[in-house]
PDB file of N, CA and C in Angstrom:
ATOM      1  N   MET A   1     134.633 -22.479 -32.134  1.00  0.00           N
ATOM      2  CA  MET A   1     134.538 -20.881 -32.087  1.00  0.00           C
ATOM      3  C   MET A   1     133.800 -20.281 -33.227  1.00  0.00           C
ATOM      4  N   LYS A   2     132.781 -19.562 -32.903  1.00  0.00           N
ATOM      5  CA  LYS A   2     132.098 -18.776 -33.886  1.00  0.00           C
ATOM      6  C   LYS A   2     132.858 -17.513 -34.396  1.00  0.00           C
ATOM      7  N   ARG A   3     132.812 -17.224 -35.535  1.00  0.00           N
ATOM      8  CA  ARG A   3     133.279 -16.010 -36.152  1.00  0.00           C
ATOM      9  C   ARG A   3     132.430 -14.877 -36.222  1.00  0.00           C
ATOM     10  N   THR A   4     132.638 -13.708 -36.117  1.00  0.00           N
ATOM     11  CA  THR A   4     131.798 -12.596 -36.216  1.00  0.00           C
ATOM     12  C   THR A   4     131.606 -12.319 -37.859  1.00  0.00           C
ATOM     13  N   LYS A   5     130.657 -11.465 -38.055  1.00  0.00           N
ATOM     14  CA  LYS A   5     130.557 -11.202 -39.382  1.00  0.00           C
ATOM     15  C   LYS A   5     131.590 -10.489 -40.120  1.00  0.00           C
ATOM     16  N   SER A   6     132.327  -9.688 -39.234  1.00  0.00           N
ATOM     17  CA  SER A   6     133.455  -8.825 -39.732  1.00  0.00           C
ATOM     18  C   SER A   6     134.668  -9.767 -40.049  1.00  0.00           C
ATOM     19  N   SER A   7     134.748 -10.996 -39.520  1.00  0.00           N
ATOM     20  CA  SER A   7     135.810 -11.883 -39.570  1.00  0.00           C
ATOM     21  C   SER A   7     135.544 -12.993 -40.501  1.00  0.00           C
ATOM     22  N   ARG A   8     134.458 -13.023 -41.063  1.00  0.00           N
ATOM     23  CA  ARG A   8     134.136 -14.160 -42.084  1.00  0.00           C
ATOM     24  C   ARG A   8     134.737 -13.891 -43.503  1.00  0.00           C
ATOM     25  N   PRO A   9     135.118 -15.046 -44.118  1.00  0.00           N
ATOM     26  CA  PRO A   9     135.539 -14.870 -45.464  1.00  0.00           C
ATOM     27  C   PRO A   9     134.572 -14.435 -46.445  1.00  0.00           C
ATOM     28  N   ALA A  10     134.867 -13.976 -47.413  1.00  0.00           N
ATOM     29  CA  ALA A  10     133.793 -13.478 -48.492  1.00  0.00           C
ATOM     30  C   ALA A  10     133.123 -14.722 -49.016  1.00  0.00           C
ATOM     31  N   PRO A  11     131.855 -14.612 -49.085  1.00  0.00           N
ATOM     32  CA  PRO A  11     131.125 -15.660 -49.788  1.00  0.00           C
ATOM     33  C   PRO A  11     131.500 -15.941 -51.352  1.00  0.00           C
ATOM     34  N   PRO A  12     131.054 -17.013 -51.846  1.00  0.00           N
ATOM     35  CA  PRO A  12     131.189 -17.054 -53.311  1.00  0.00           C
ATOM     36  C   PRO A  12     130.441 -16.030 -54.044  1.00  0.00           C
ATOM     37  N   ALA A  13     131.156 -15.563 -55.175  1.00  0.00           N
ATOM     38  CA  ALA A  13     130.513 -14.537 -55.953  1.00  0.00           C
ATOM     39  C   ALA A  13     129.196 -15.075 -56.794  1.00  0.00           C
ATOM     40  N   PRO A  14     128.144 -14.316 -56.700  1.00  0.00           N
ATOM     41  CA  PRO A  14     126.982 -14.603 -57.567  1.00  0.00           C
ATOM     42  C   PRO A  14     127.282 -14.880 -59.067  1.00  0.00           C
ATOM     43  N   ALA A  15     126.457 -15.546 -59.694  1.00  0.00           N
ATOM     44  CA  ALA A  15     126.712 -15.832 -61.126  1.00  0.00           C
ATOM     45  C   ALA A  15     126.616 -14.542 -61.814  1.00  0.00           C
ATOM     46  N   SER A  16     126.052 -13.645 -61.723  1.00  0.00           N
ATOM     47  CA  SER A  16     125.853 -12.162 -62.207  1.00  0.00           C
ATOM     48  C   SER A  16     126.073 -11.167 -61.317  1.00  0.00           C
ATOM     49  N   SER A  17     126.935 -10.338 -61.522  1.00  0.00           N
ATOM     50  CA  SER A  17     127.323  -9.266 -60.618  1.00  0.00           C
ATOM     51  C   SER A  17     126.316  -8.104 -60.608  1.00  0.00           C
ATOM     52  N   LYS A  18     125.290  -8.119 -61.711  1.00  0.00           N
ATOM     53  CA  LYS A  18     124.406  -7.057 -61.714  1.00  0.00           C
ATOM     54  C   LYS A  18     122.897  -7.505 -61.285  1.00  0.00           C
ATOM     55  N   VAL A  19     122.621  -8.679 -61.021  1.00  0.00           N
ATOM     56  CA  VAL A  19     121.478  -9.016 -60.673  1.00  0.00           C
ATOM     57  C   VAL A  19     121.516 -10.015 -59.483  1.00  0.00           C
ATOM     58  N   ILE A  20     121.068  -9.770 -58.238  1.00  0.00           N
ATOM     59  CA  ILE A  20     121.190 -10.732 -57.088  1.00  0.00           C
ATOM     60  C   ILE A  20     119.739 -11.299 -57.137  1.00  0.00           C
ATOM     61  N   THR A  21     119.767 -12.672 -57.048  1.00  0.00           N
ATOM     62  CA  THR A  21     118.517 -13.327 -57.016  1.00  0.00           C
ATOM     63  C   THR A  21     118.316 -13.856 -55.700  1.00  0.00           C
ATOM     64  N   LEU A  22     117.285 -14.539 -55.542  1.00  0.00           N
ATOM     65  CA  LEU A  22     116.782 -15.011 -54.299  1.00  0.00           C
ATOM     66  C   LEU A  22     117.726 -16.146 -53.979  1.00  0.00           C
ATOM     67  N   ASP A  23     118.002 -16.938 -54.889  1.00  0.00           N
ATOM     68  CA  ASP A  23     118.946 -18.062 -54.731  1.00  0.00           C
ATOM     69  C   ASP A  23     120.289 -17.669 -54.226  1.00  0.00           C
ATOM     70  N   ASP A  24     120.673 -16.352 -54.808  1.00  0.00           N
ATOM     71  CA  ASP A  24     122.123 -15.776 -54.439  1.00  0.00           C
ATOM     72  C   ASP A  24     122.126 -15.523 -53.055  1.00  0.00           C
ATOM     73  N   LYS A  25     121.070 -14.927 -52.617  1.00  0.00           N
ATOM     74  CA  LYS A  25     120.942 -14.584 -50.980  1.00  0.00           C
ATOM     75  C   LYS A  25     121.096 -15.524 -50.357  1.00  0.00           C
ATOM     76  N   ILE A  26     120.106 -16.691 -50.605  1.00  0.00           N
ATOM     77  CA  ILE A  26     120.132 -17.925 -49.814  1.00  0.00           C
ATOM     78  C   ILE A  26     121.508 -18.660 -49.862  1.00  0.00           C
ATOM     79  N   ARG A  27     121.906 -18.701 -50.880  1.00  0.00           N
ATOM     80  CA  ARG A  27     123.443 -19.248 -51.175  1.00  0.00           C
ATOM     81  C   ARG A  27     124.563 -18.579 -50.195  1.00  0.00           C
ATOM     82  N   GLU A  28     124.488 -17.219 -50.055  1.00  0.00           N
ATOM     83  CA  GLU A  28     125.228 -16.513 -49.327  1.00  0.00           C
ATOM     84  C   GLU A  28     125.028 -16.872 -47.917  1.00  0.00           C
ATOM     85  N   GLN A  29     123.686 -16.890 -47.541  1.00  0.00           N
ATOM     86  CA  GLN A  29     123.342 -16.999 -46.097  1.00  0.00           C
ATOM     87  C   GLN A  29     123.759 -18.517 -45.648  1.00  0.00           C
ATOM     88  N   ALA A  30     123.447 -19.468 -46.452  1.00  0.00           N
ATOM     89  CA  ALA A  30     123.787 -20.889 -46.247  1.00  0.00           C
ATOM     90  C   ALA A  30     125.308 -20.863 -46.014  1.00  0.00           C
ATOM     91  N   TYR A  31     126.105 -20.439 -46.784  1.00  0.00           N
ATOM     92  CA  TYR A  31     127.523 -20.304 -46.586  1.00  0.00           C
ATOM     93  C   TYR A  31     127.928 -19.869 -45.264  1.00  0.00           C
ATOM     94  N   TYR A  32     127.238 -18.675 -44.862  1.00  0.00           N
ATOM     95  CA  TYR A  32     127.408 -18.085 -43.467  1.00  0.00           C
ATOM     96  C   TYR A  32     127.092 -19.194 -42.361  1.00  0.00           C
ATOM     97  N   HIS A  33     126.043 -19.826 -42.557  1.00  0.00           N
ATOM     98  CA  HIS A  33     125.589 -20.896 -41.616  1.00  0.00           C
ATOM     99  C   HIS A  33     126.806 -21.991 -41.360  1.00  0.00           C
ATOM    100  N   TRP A  34     127.165 -22.302 -42.960  1.00  0.00           N
ATOM    101  CA  TRP A  34     128.232 -23.424 -42.632  1.00  0.00           C
ATOM    102  C   TRP A  34     129.542 -22.877 -42.180  1.00  0.00           C
ATOM    103  N   ILE A  35     129.887 -21.771 -42.360  1.00  0.00           N
ATOM    104  CA  ILE A  35     131.062 -21.140 -41.648  1.00  0.00           C
ATOM    105  C   ILE A  35     130.904 -21.034 -40.160  1.00  0.00           C
ATOM    106  N   ASP A  36     129.683 -20.612 -39.797  1.00  0.00           N
ATOM    107  CA  ASP A  36     129.437 -20.448 -38.194  1.00  0.00           C
ATOM    108  C   ASP A  36     129.469 -21.659 -37.579  1.00  0.00           C
ATOM    109  N   ASN A  37     129.155 -22.779 -38.244  1.00  0.00           N
ATOM    110  CA  ASN A  37     129.003 -24.195 -37.673  1.00  0.00           C
ATOM    111  C   ASN A  37     130.322 -24.853 -37.824  1.00  0.00           C
ATOM    112  N   GLY A  38     131.304 -24.292 -38.213  1.00  0.00           N
ATOM    113  CA  GLY A  38     132.598 -24.928 -38.081  1.00  0.00           C
ATOM    114  C   GLY A  38     133.003 -25.694 -39.374  1.00  0.00           C
ATOM    115  N   CYS A  39     132.344 -25.346 -40.600  1.00  0.00           N
ATOM    116  CA  CYS A  39     132.582 -25.905 -41.968  1.00  0.00           C
ATOM    117  C   CYS A  39     132.352 -27.434 -41.972  1.00  0.00           C
ATOM    118  N   PRO A  40     131.233 -27.996 -41.256  1.00  0.00           N
ATOM    119  CA  PRO A  40     131.210 -29.544 -41.306  1.00  0.00           C
ATOM    120  C   PRO A  40     130.767 -30.092 -42.612  1.00  0.00           C
ATOM    121  N   ASN A  41     130.977 -31.129 -42.694  1.00  0.00           N
ATOM    122  CA  ASN A  41     130.639 -31.952 -44.149  1.00  0.00           C
ATOM    123  C   ASN A  41     129.325 -32.713 -43.791  1.00  0.00           C
ATOM    124  N   GLY A  42     128.554 -32.824 -44.891  1.00  0.00           N
ATOM    125  CA  GLY A  42     127.398 -33.752 -44.642  1.00  0.00           C
ATOM    126  C   GLY A  42     125.974 -32.898 -44.292  1.00  0.00           C
ATOM    127  N   ASP A  43     125.920 -31.725 -44.069  1.00  0.00           N
ATOM    128  CA  ASP A  43     124.722 -30.970 -43.776  1.00  0.00           C
ATOM    129  C   ASP A  43     124.360 -29.884 -44.707  1.00  0.00           C
ATOM    130  N   ASP A  44     124.676 -29.998 -46.082  1.00  0.00           N
ATOM    131  CA  ASP A  44     124.519 -29.087 -46.984  1.00  0.00           C
ATOM    132  C   ASP A  44     123.013 -28.606 -46.914  1.00  0.00           C
ATOM    133  N   LEU A  45     122.043 -29.659 -47.241  1.00  0.00           N
ATOM    134  CA  LEU A  45     120.580 -29.202 -47.037  1.00  0.00           C
ATOM    135  C   LEU A  45     120.185 -28.552 -45.671  1.00  0.00           C
ATOM    136  N   GLY A  46     120.720 -28.905 -44.670  1.00  0.00           N
ATOM    137  CA  GLY A  46     120.384 -28.188 -43.476  1.00  0.00           C
ATOM    138  C   GLY A  46     120.737 -26.732 -43.301  1.00  0.00           C
ATOM    139  N   HIS A  47     121.882 -26.484 -43.847  1.00  0.00           N
ATOM    140  CA  HIS A  47     122.268 -25.150 -43.954  1.00  0.00           C
ATOM    141  C   HIS A  47     121.536 -24.334 -45.166  1.00  0.00           C
ATOM    142  N   TRP A  48     121.228 -25.003 -46.202  1.00  0.00           N
ATOM    143  CA  TRP A  48     120.511 -24.364 -47.207  1.00  0.00           C
ATOM    144  C   TRP A  48     118.973 -23.979 -46.583  1.00  0.00           C
ATOM    145  N   PHE A  49     118.394 -24.978 -46.036  1.00  0.00           N
ATOM    146  CA  PHE A  49     116.983 -24.919 -45.475  1.00  0.00           C
ATOM    147  C   PHE A  49     116.873 -23.768 -44.446  1.00  0.00           C
ATOM    148  N   ALA A  50     117.841 -23.679 -43.479  1.00  0.00           N
ATOM    149  CA  ALA A  50     118.006 -22.736 -42.493  1.00  0.00           C
ATOM    150  C   ALA A  50     118.171 -21.369 -43.078  1.00  0.00           C
ATOM    151  N   ALA A  51     119.040 -21.240 -43.972  1.00  0.00           N
ATOM    152  CA  ALA A  51     119.312 -19.914 -44.797  1.00  0.00           C
ATOM    153  C   ALA A  51     117.967 -19.499 -45.481  1.00  0.00           C
ATOM    154  N   GLU A  52     117.311 -20.394 -46.275  1.00  0.00           N
ATOM    155  CA  GLU A  52     116.261 -20.078 -46.850  1.00  0.00           C
ATOM    156  C   GLU A  52     115.143 -19.375 -45.954  1.00  0.00           C
ATOM    157  N   GLN A  53     114.926 -20.139 -44.896  1.00  0.00           N
ATOM    158  CA  GLN A  53     113.872 -19.749 -43.853  1.00  0.00           C
ATOM    159  C   GLN A  53     114.346 -18.270 -43.383  1.00  0.00           C
ATOM    160  N   GLN A  54     115.511 -18.208 -43.092  1.00  0.00           N
ATOM    161  CA  GLN A  54     115.922 -16.744 -42.555  1.00  0.00           C
ATOM    162  C   GLN A  54     115.830 -15.476 -43.574  1.00  0.00           C
ATOM    163  N   VAL A  55     116.171 -16.041 -45.024  1.00  0.00           N
ATOM    164  CA  VAL A  55     116.013 -15.074 -46.104  1.00  0.00           C
ATOM    165  C   VAL A  55     114.596 -14.591 -46.351  1.00  0.00           C
ATOM    166  N   LEU A  56     113.714 -15.584 -46.260  1.00  0.00           N
ATOM    167  CA  LEU A  56     112.352 -15.326 -46.557  1.00  0.00           C
ATOM    168  C   LEU A  56     111.593 -14.863 -45.470  1.00  0.00           C
ATOM    169  N   THR A  57     112.095 -14.977 -44.271  1.00  0.00           N
ATOM    170  CA  THR A  57     111.543 -14.305 -42.923  1.00  0.00           C
ATOM    171  C   THR A  57     111.972 -12.860 -43.203  1.00  0.00           C
ATOM    172  N   THR A  58     113.147 -12.674 -43.524  1.00  0.00           N
ATOM    173  CA  THR A  58     113.618 -11.213 -43.432  1.00  0.00           C
ATOM    174  C   THR A  58     112.895 -10.347 -44.620  1.00  0.00           C
ATOM    175  N   LEU A  59     112.882 -11.127 -45.839  1.00  0.00           N
ATOM    176  CA  LEU A  59     112.152 -10.185 -46.986  1.00  0.00           C
ATOM    177  C   LEU A  59     110.450 -10.175 -46.492  1.00  0.00           C
ATOM    178  N   ALA A  60     109.850 -11.038 -45.753  1.00  0.00           N
ATOM    179  CA  ALA A  60     108.613 -10.818 -45.421  1.00  0.00           C
ATOM    180  C   ALA A  60     108.381  -9.670 -44.448  1.00  0.00           C
ATOM    181  N   GLU A  61     109.365  -9.718 -43.344  1.00  0.00           N
ATOM    182  CA  GLU A  61     109.343  -8.556 -42.368  1.00  0.00           C
ATOM    183  C   GLU A  61     109.589  -7.205 -43.080  1.00  0.00           C
ATOM    184  N   ASP A  62     110.348  -7.215 -44.060  1.00  0.00           N
ATOM    185  CA  ASP A  62     110.927  -6.043 -44.965  1.00  0.00           C
ATOM    186  C   ASP A  62     109.587  -5.418 -45.609  1.00  0.00           C
ATOM    187  N   HIS A  63     108.802  -6.467 -46.343  1.00  0.00           N
ATOM    188  CA  HIS A  63     107.705  -6.253 -46.953  1.00  0.00           C
ATOM    189  C   HIS A  63     106.652  -5.501 -46.238  1.00  0.00           C
ATOM    190  N   VAL A  64     106.396  -6.126 -45.032  1.00  0.00           N
ATOM    191  CA  VAL A  64     105.387  -5.667 -43.965  1.00  0.00           C
ATOM    192  C   VAL A  64     105.797  -4.321 -43.540  1.00  0.00           C
ATOM    193  N   ALA A  65     107.090  -4.055 -43.114  1.00  0.00           N
ATOM    194  CA  ALA A  65     107.393  -2.796 -42.693  1.00  0.00           C
ATOM    195  C   ALA A  65     107.432  -1.794 -43.733  1.00  0.00           C
ATOM    196  N   SER A  66     107.365  -1.882 -45.019  1.00  0.00           N
ATOM    197  CA  SER A  66     107.344  -0.998 -45.861  1.00  0.00           C
ATOM    198  C   SER A  66     105.911  -0.458 -46.118  1.00  0.00           C
ATOM    199  N   PRO A  67     105.754   0.874 -46.515  1.00  0.00           N
ATOM    200  CA  PRO A  67     104.396   1.275 -46.654  1.00  0.00           C
ATOM    201  C   PRO A  67     103.838   0.846 -48.000  1.00  0.00           C
TER     202      PRO A  67
END
């Protein structure tokens, strides 16, 4: 059963609360991928690469949309 965003547990806190890095964004998204897939063991790189692609795509779309 997939969880909705509102029912997801909070992701691990970034190393620094003041600066959010690209790695922090990818780490958070990978965590959500892992949660959404039932917290399986052994596919950490798969979750990371899927999250990386999603974060980079979102950043590129946001960059193109901004004037």
